[in-house]
Protein backbone atom coordinates (compact mmCIF):
# COMPACT_ATOMS: atom_id res chain seq x y z
CA UNK A 1 -6.96 -19.49 -3.81
CA UNK A 2 -8.94 -16.86 -1.92
CA UNK A 3 -7.28 -13.69 -3.25
CA UNK A 4 -4.73 -12.66 -5.83
CA UNK A 5 -3.95 -8.96 -6.05
CA UNK A 6 -2.38 -7.96 -9.32
CA UNK A 7 -0.17 -5.12 -8.15
CA UNK A 8 -2.11 -2.05 -9.19
CA UNK A 9 -0.53 1.39 -9.14
CA UNK A 10 -1.54 4.27 -6.91
CA UNK A 11 -3.18 7.19 -8.70
CA UNK A 12 -2.25 10.56 -7.19
CA UNK A 13 -4.59 13.53 -7.59
CA UNK A 14 -3.12 16.86 -6.52
CA UNK A 15 -5.25 19.06 -4.27
CA UNK A 16 -4.26 22.71 -4.42
CA UNK A 17 -7.50 24.58 -5.10
CA UNK A 18 -11.25 24.02 -4.88
CA UNK A 19 -11.62 23.31 -8.61
CA UNK A 20 -9.81 19.99 -8.12
CA UNK A 21 -12.44 18.64 -5.74
CA UNK A 22 -14.89 18.05 -8.58
CA UNK A 23 -12.22 16.26 -10.59
CA UNK A 24 -11.45 13.99 -7.64
CA UNK A 25 -15.15 13.18 -7.31
CA UNK A 26 -15.45 12.23 -10.98
CA UNK A 27 -12.33 10.07 -10.96
CA UNK A 28 -13.43 8.25 -7.81
CA UNK A 29 -16.79 7.53 -9.46
CA UNK A 30 -15.07 6.10 -12.54
CA UNK A 31 -12.77 3.90 -10.47
CA UNK A 32 -15.69 2.62 -8.40
CA UNK A 33 -17.59 1.71 -11.56
CA UNK A 34 -14.57 -0.13 -12.95
CA UNK A 35 -14.38 -2.08 -9.68
CA UNK A 36 -17.94 -3.29 -10.26
CA UNK A 37 -19.80 -0.89 -7.95
CA UNK A 38 -23.41 -0.15 -8.82
CA UNK A 39 -24.76 3.39 -9.10
CA UNK A 40 -25.52 3.75 -5.38
CA UNK A 41 -22.12 2.44 -4.28
CA UNK A 42 -20.34 4.60 -6.85
CA UNK A 43 -22.24 7.50 -5.34
CA UNK A 44 -20.80 6.65 -1.94
CA UNK A 45 -17.31 6.74 -3.47
CA UNK A 46 -18.05 10.16 -4.97
CA UNK A 47 -19.19 11.48 -1.58
CA UNK A 48 -16.13 10.12 0.23
CA UNK A 49 -13.75 11.59 -2.35
CA UNK A 50 -15.49 14.96 -2.13
CA UNK A 51 -15.35 15.07 1.67
CA UNK A 52 -11.72 13.92 1.86
CA UNK A 53 -10.56 16.39 -0.78
CA UNK A 54 -12.50 19.25 0.83
CA UNK A 55 -11.08 18.35 4.23
CA UNK A 56 -7.50 18.55 2.92
CA UNK A 57 -8.07 22.01 1.46
CA UNK A 58 -9.81 23.23 4.62
CA UNK A 59 -7.22 22.24 7.21
CA UNK A 60 -3.99 21.88 5.20
CA UNK A 61 -4.59 24.15 2.14
CA UNK A 62 -2.92 21.54 -0.11
CA UNK A 63 -2.22 17.83 -0.33
CA UNK A 64 -3.21 14.86 -2.46
CA UNK A 65 -5.77 12.13 -2.87
CA UNK A 66 -4.43 8.61 -3.52
CA UNK A 67 -6.73 6.12 -5.25
CA UNK A 68 -6.21 2.39 -5.72
CA UNK A 69 -8.22 -0.72 -6.34
CA UNK A 70 -7.79 -3.14 -3.44
CA UNK A 71 -8.42 -6.82 -2.95
CA UNK A 72 -11.11 -7.90 -0.50
CA UNK A 73 -12.01 -11.39 0.63
CA UNK A 74 -15.25 -11.25 -1.36
CA UNK A 75 -14.27 -9.05 -4.28
CA UNK A 76 -12.49 -5.79 -5.09
CA UNK A 77 -12.92 -2.51 -3.28
CA UNK A 78 -11.83 1.08 -3.71
CA UNK A 79 -9.26 2.76 -1.49
CA UNK A 80 -9.15 6.54 -1.17
CA UNK A 81 -6.43 8.10 0.98
CA UNK A 82 -6.06 11.80 1.72
CA UNK A 83 -2.44 12.81 2.38
CA UNK A 84 -1.24 16.22 3.53
CA UNK A 85 1.49 18.05 5.45
CA UNK A 86 -0.84 20.39 7.30
CA UNK A 87 -0.95 21.10 11.05
CA UNK A 88 -2.94 17.95 11.84
CA UNK A 89 -6.18 17.90 13.81
CA UNK A 90 -7.80 16.40 16.90
CA UNK A 91 -9.46 13.28 15.53
CA UNK A 92 -11.67 12.69 18.57
CA UNK A 93 -13.27 16.11 18.08
CA UNK A 94 -13.45 15.93 14.28
CA UNK A 95 -15.47 12.71 14.42
CA UNK A 96 -18.24 14.44 16.36
CA UNK A 97 -21.03 15.82 14.18
CA UNK A 98 -21.13 19.61 14.37
CA UNK A 99 -17.42 20.08 15.18
CA UNK A 100 -15.42 22.16 12.70
CA UNK A 101 -12.08 23.95 12.78
CA UNK A 102 -13.06 26.21 9.88
CA UNK A 103 -16.60 27.37 10.64
CA UNK A 104 -18.33 24.81 8.38
CA UNK A 105 -21.17 22.48 9.37
CA UNK A 106 -18.64 19.92 10.58
CA UNK A 107 -20.19 16.85 8.96
CA UNK A 108 -17.25 15.67 6.83
CA UNK A 109 -15.17 13.12 8.74
CA UNK A 110 -18.02 11.75 10.82
CA UNK A 111 -20.02 11.21 7.62
CA UNK A 112 -17.15 9.17 6.17
CA UNK A 113 -17.34 6.66 9.00
CA UNK A 114 -20.90 5.90 7.87
CA UNK A 115 -20.08 5.66 4.15
CA UNK A 116 -16.87 3.59 4.16
CA UNK A 117 -16.55 0.07 5.54
CA UNK A 118 -12.99 0.91 6.64
CA UNK A 119 -12.01 4.30 8.02
CA UNK A 120 -8.77 5.17 9.79
CA UNK A 121 -6.64 8.24 10.43
CA UNK A 122 -3.19 9.22 11.62
CA UNK A 123 -2.60 12.91 12.32
CA UNK A 124 0.16 14.81 14.09
CA UNK A 125 2.07 18.07 13.66
CA UNK A 126 3.65 16.72 10.44
CA UNK A 127 0.31 16.29 8.69
CA UNK A 128 -2.48 13.77 8.29
CA UNK A 129 -3.26 10.55 6.43
CA UNK A 130 -6.97 9.68 6.23
CA UNK A 131 -8.01 6.29 4.84
CA UNK A 132 -11.38 5.23 3.48
CA UNK A 133 -11.97 1.81 1.92
CA UNK A 134 -15.27 1.04 0.28
CA UNK A 135 -16.74 -2.28 -0.80
CA UNK A 136 -20.17 -2.86 -2.36
CA UNK A 137 -22.92 -2.63 0.26
CA UNK A 138 -23.76 -6.29 -0.22
CA UNK A 139 -20.23 -7.46 0.64
CA UNK A 140 -20.16 -9.65 3.77
CA UNK A 141 -18.64 -8.32 6.98
CA UNK A 142 -14.95 -9.01 7.22
CA UNK A 143 -14.25 -8.35 3.56
CA UNK A 144 -11.29 -6.08 4.25
CA UNK A 145 -7.74 -7.43 4.22
CA UNK A 146 -5.20 -5.75 6.50
CA UNK A 147 -2.58 -4.80 3.97
CA UNK A 148 -1.59 -1.55 2.34
CA UNK A 149 0.51 -0.65 -0.68
CA UNK A 150 1.72 2.71 -1.94
CA UNK A 151 3.05 2.10 -5.46
CA UNK A 152 4.31 5.05 -7.53
CA UNK A 153 6.23 5.55 -10.75
CA UNK A 154 9.00 8.12 -10.87
CA UNK A 155 7.55 11.55 -11.62
CA UNK A 156 7.31 11.95 -15.38
CA UNK A 157 7.23 8.22 -16.13
CA UNK A 158 4.08 6.51 -17.35
CA UNK A 159 4.96 3.10 -15.89
CA UNK A 160 6.66 1.95 -12.72
CA UNK A 161 9.85 -0.09 -12.75
CA UNK A 162 8.70 -1.75 -9.52
CA UNK A 163 6.15 -4.52 -9.15
CA UNK A 164 4.34 -6.19 -6.26
CA UNK A 165 1.92 -9.05 -5.80
CA UNK A 166 -0.20 -10.47 -2.98
CA UNK A 167 -1.78 -13.92 -2.70
CA UNK A 168 -3.96 -15.26 0.12
CA UNK A 169 -5.06 -18.87 0.54
CA UNK A 170 -6.98 -19.45 3.76
CA UNK A 171 -4.65 -18.33 6.56
CA UNK A 172 -1.58 -18.33 4.32
CA UNK A 173 -0.23 -15.17 2.70
CA UNK A 174 2.53 -14.70 0.14
CA UNK A 175 3.94 -11.42 -1.19
CA UNK A 176 6.45 -10.15 -3.73
CA UNK A 177 8.20 -6.81 -4.15
CA UNK A 178 10.53 -6.36 -7.14
CA UNK A 179 12.53 -3.42 -8.46
CA UNK A 180 13.86 -3.50 -12.03
CA UNK A 181 17.20 -1.76 -12.45
CA UNK A 182 16.73 1.91 -13.21
CA UNK A 183 13.29 3.12 -14.20
CA UNK A 184 11.04 3.30 -17.23
CA UNK A 185 9.81 0.56 -19.61
CA UNK A 186 12.91 -1.67 -19.41
CA UNK A 187 12.84 -1.65 -15.62
CA UNK A 188 9.12 -2.42 -15.76
CA UNK A 189 9.80 -5.37 -18.08
CA UNK A 190 12.23 -6.85 -15.56
CA UNK A 191 9.92 -6.32 -12.59
CA UNK A 192 6.97 -7.80 -14.51
CA UNK A 193 9.01 -10.94 -15.23
CA UNK A 194 9.46 -11.41 -11.48
CA UNK A 195 5.72 -10.95 -11.00
CA UNK A 196 4.99 -13.64 -13.58
CA UNK A 197 7.21 -16.07 -11.68
CA UNK A 198 5.20 -15.37 -8.54
CA UNK A 199 1.81 -15.73 -10.19
CA UNK A 200 2.63 -19.20 -11.51
CA UNK A 201 2.74 -20.67 -7.99
CA UNK A 202 2.76 -18.02 -5.26
CA UNK A 203 3.00 -20.44 -2.32
CA UNK A 204 6.17 -22.17 -3.48
CA UNK A 205 9.10 -21.76 -1.10
CA UNK A 206 10.53 -18.21 -1.51
CA UNK A 207 13.94 -19.56 -2.50
CA UNK A 208 12.27 -21.59 -5.29
CA UNK A 209 10.43 -18.48 -6.44
CA UNK A 210 13.73 -16.57 -6.54
CA UNK A 211 15.29 -19.19 -8.79
CA UNK A 212 12.23 -19.07 -11.06
CA UNK A 213 12.34 -15.26 -11.14
CA UNK A 214 16.03 -15.46 -12.06
CA UNK A 215 15.17 -17.60 -15.08
CA UNK A 216 12.26 -15.37 -16.11
CA UNK A 217 14.33 -12.19 -15.78
CA UNK A 218 17.23 -13.46 -17.88
CA UNK A 219 17.45 -11.27 -20.95
CA UNK A 220 16.03 -8.27 -19.09
CA UNK A 221 18.15 -5.72 -17.26
CA UNK A 222 17.41 -7.64 -14.02
CA UNK A 223 16.72 -6.22 -10.62
CA UNK A 224 16.15 -6.70 -6.90
CA UNK A 225 13.50 -9.19 -5.78
CA UNK A 226 12.13 -10.37 -2.44
CA UNK A 227 9.48 -12.96 -1.56
CA UNK A 228 7.86 -13.58 1.82
CA UNK A 229 5.44 -16.33 2.82
CA UNK A 230 3.48 -16.42 6.08
CA UNK A 231 2.01 -19.80 7.02
CA UNK A 232 -0.79 -18.28 9.10
CA UNK A 233 0.54 -19.94 12.25
CA UNK A 234 3.32 -17.52 13.12
CA UNK A 235 6.16 -18.58 10.79
CA UNK A 236 7.47 -16.25 8.08
CA UNK A 237 9.87 -17.51 5.39
CA UNK A 238 11.77 -14.81 3.49
CA UNK A 239 14.23 -14.73 0.61
CA UNK A 240 15.62 -11.67 -1.12
CA UNK A 241 18.32 -10.65 -3.56
CA UNK A 242 19.34 -7.01 -3.88
CA UNK A 243 18.14 -3.89 -2.12
CA UNK A 244 14.49 -4.64 -1.38
CA UNK A 245 14.26 -3.68 2.30
CA UNK A 246 12.14 -5.80 4.61
CA UNK A 247 11.40 -5.53 8.32
CA UNK A 248 9.27 -7.18 10.97
CA UNK A 249 7.83 -4.43 13.14
CA UNK A 250 6.28 -4.90 16.56
CA UNK A 251 4.87 -2.38 18.96
CA UNK A 252 8.23 -1.87 20.68
CA UNK A 253 10.84 -3.32 18.33
CA UNK A 254 11.82 -3.76 14.69
CA UNK A 255 13.95 -6.41 13.00
CA UNK A 256 15.43 -6.26 9.52
CA UNK A 257 15.18 -9.32 7.29
CA UNK A 258 18.29 -10.63 5.57
CA UNK A 259 18.74 -10.30 1.80
CA UNK A 260 21.74 -11.36 -0.27
CA UNK A 261 23.68 -9.17 -2.71
CA UNK A 262 23.27 -9.68 -6.43
CA UNK A 263 21.03 -8.95 -9.42
CA UNK A 264 18.20 -11.34 -10.19
CA UNK A 265 18.29 -12.18 -13.88
CA UNK A 266 22.03 -11.50 -14.07
CA UNK A 267 24.16 -12.89 -11.26
CA UNK A 268 23.79 -13.99 -7.67
CA UNK A 269 24.81 -16.89 -5.47
CA UNK A 270 22.36 -19.68 -4.72
CA UNK A 271 19.19 -18.31 -3.18
CA UNK A 272 18.76 -18.97 0.53
CA UNK A 273 15.67 -18.38 2.64
CA UNK A 274 15.44 -17.46 6.30
CA UNK A 275 12.73 -18.51 8.73
CA UNK A 276 11.34 -16.08 11.31
CA UNK A 277 9.09 -17.71 13.92
CA UNK A 278 6.55 -16.09 16.26
CA UNK A 279 5.63 -13.27 13.88
CA UNK A 280 1.86 -13.27 14.52
CA UNK A 281 0.75 -9.80 15.57
CA UNK A 282 3.65 -8.05 13.84
CA UNK A 283 3.79 -5.98 10.67
CA UNK A 284 5.77 -6.99 7.59
CA UNK A 285 7.10 -3.89 5.82
CA UNK A 286 8.77 -4.32 2.41
CA UNK A 287 9.87 -1.54 0.08
CA UNK A 288 12.01 -0.73 -2.93
CA UNK A 289 14.94 1.66 -2.70
CA UNK A 290 12.73 4.49 -3.90
CA UNK A 291 12.00 4.79 -0.18
CA UNK A 292 14.69 5.83 2.29
CA UNK A 293 15.61 3.13 4.78
CA UNK A 294 16.00 5.35 7.87
CA UNK A 295 12.33 5.35 8.90
CA UNK A 296 11.20 4.24 12.37
CA UNK A 297 7.54 3.69 13.19
CA UNK A 298 8.46 4.49 16.79
CA UNK A 299 8.92 8.11 15.72
CA UNK A 300 5.14 8.23 15.17
CA UNK A 301 3.40 7.41 18.46
CA UNK A 302 0.43 5.12 17.88
CA UNK A 303 1.08 4.63 14.17
CA UNK A 304 1.83 0.91 14.64
CA UNK A 305 -1.84 0.38 15.58
CA UNK A 306 -3.24 2.04 12.47
CA UNK A 307 -4.41 0.25 9.33
CA UNK A 308 -1.48 -0.91 7.15
CA UNK A 309 -2.71 1.30 4.29
CA UNK A 310 -2.32 4.37 6.52
CA UNK A 311 1.22 3.29 7.41
CA UNK A 312 2.18 2.69 3.76
CA UNK A 313 0.89 6.11 2.67
CA UNK A 314 2.64 7.89 5.55
CA UNK A 315 5.99 6.20 4.88
CA UNK A 316 5.73 7.19 1.24
CA UNK A 317 4.85 10.77 2.18
CA UNK A 318 7.77 11.23 4.56
CA UNK A 319 10.51 9.01 3.11
CA UNK A 320 10.11 8.88 -0.68
CA UNK A 321 13.45 9.79 -2.28
CA UNK A 322 11.75 11.42 -5.25
CA UNK A 323 14.30 10.17 -7.79
CA UNK A 324 13.10 6.62 -8.47
CA UNK A 325 9.98 4.49 -8.57
CA UNK A 326 8.79 3.79 -5.03
CA UNK A 327 6.80 0.89 -3.62
CA UNK A 328 6.04 0.23 0.03
CA UNK A 329 3.96 -2.75 1.15
CA UNK A 330 2.72 -3.19 4.71
CA UNK A 331 1.03 -6.43 5.79
CA UNK A 332 -0.45 -7.29 9.19
CA UNK A 333 0.64 -10.85 10.04
CA UNK A 334 -2.36 -12.40 11.70
CA UNK A 335 -2.68 -15.84 13.27
């Protein structure tokens, strides 16, 4: 097994005044250290967090910094995403040293491209999402995995009633998104039971994993669960029960994936899986019902080409219902 990602939550740091920049820097340093970064690499994380937070306040006056630990092919990394609803900016100009929209030295965004192994941006009149992923300097080239997850508990809750998992074995990839009924600790218990079923043997057929999740979730309040497995050669197998939404998104088209009604852990008909061939080059988007289902990537010109982590953060920004836990997972299906 090359990679198993344990379904970490997204930490959101509000950015509303300059005093919060220092806090963001300190938190980023702590997260980098927990991910195994040495002092120099943790310093890079501190610099990136400072520049991203300052950039939000300069061009949007307010926004947020999202932090998460991410899986890489050669070890964990740190993801820092700046999210705002400001007027956007001209990325081509902002990546040139010396360019500034606010009379500063103009070294922020261009400096980030030299500090982070992965840097990507989407900006339009609705706001901006700026992604930086950092891995230890000694990590081999190609460490980054093209997936993104935005995973948030309902405001005021300390734990999310959703869960997600990712496993990679060579060219094969398998993912889970689960949503325990309601929110809070009991919903989290149900979603965690689904995750445990996945972790046992993540590359089992999705319909087998659903049956196992059903057994594990018995005695909990149950929930909605979906599994997807990509064979690395262009075939996706998908099985879902309940209202986990899933879509295959291409540059010019989108196709919803079929789930069955029911509650895993309580009652549903026999699990069936569906095969979707020729998916290489597409995006798999899966999300809980904390996200509205009316989104279209085509409404954001060029977004389809951005890093999946940028897409996940933007969908959460614009389509989160705000009254439930919300998880959105975006995976690039590569041959």
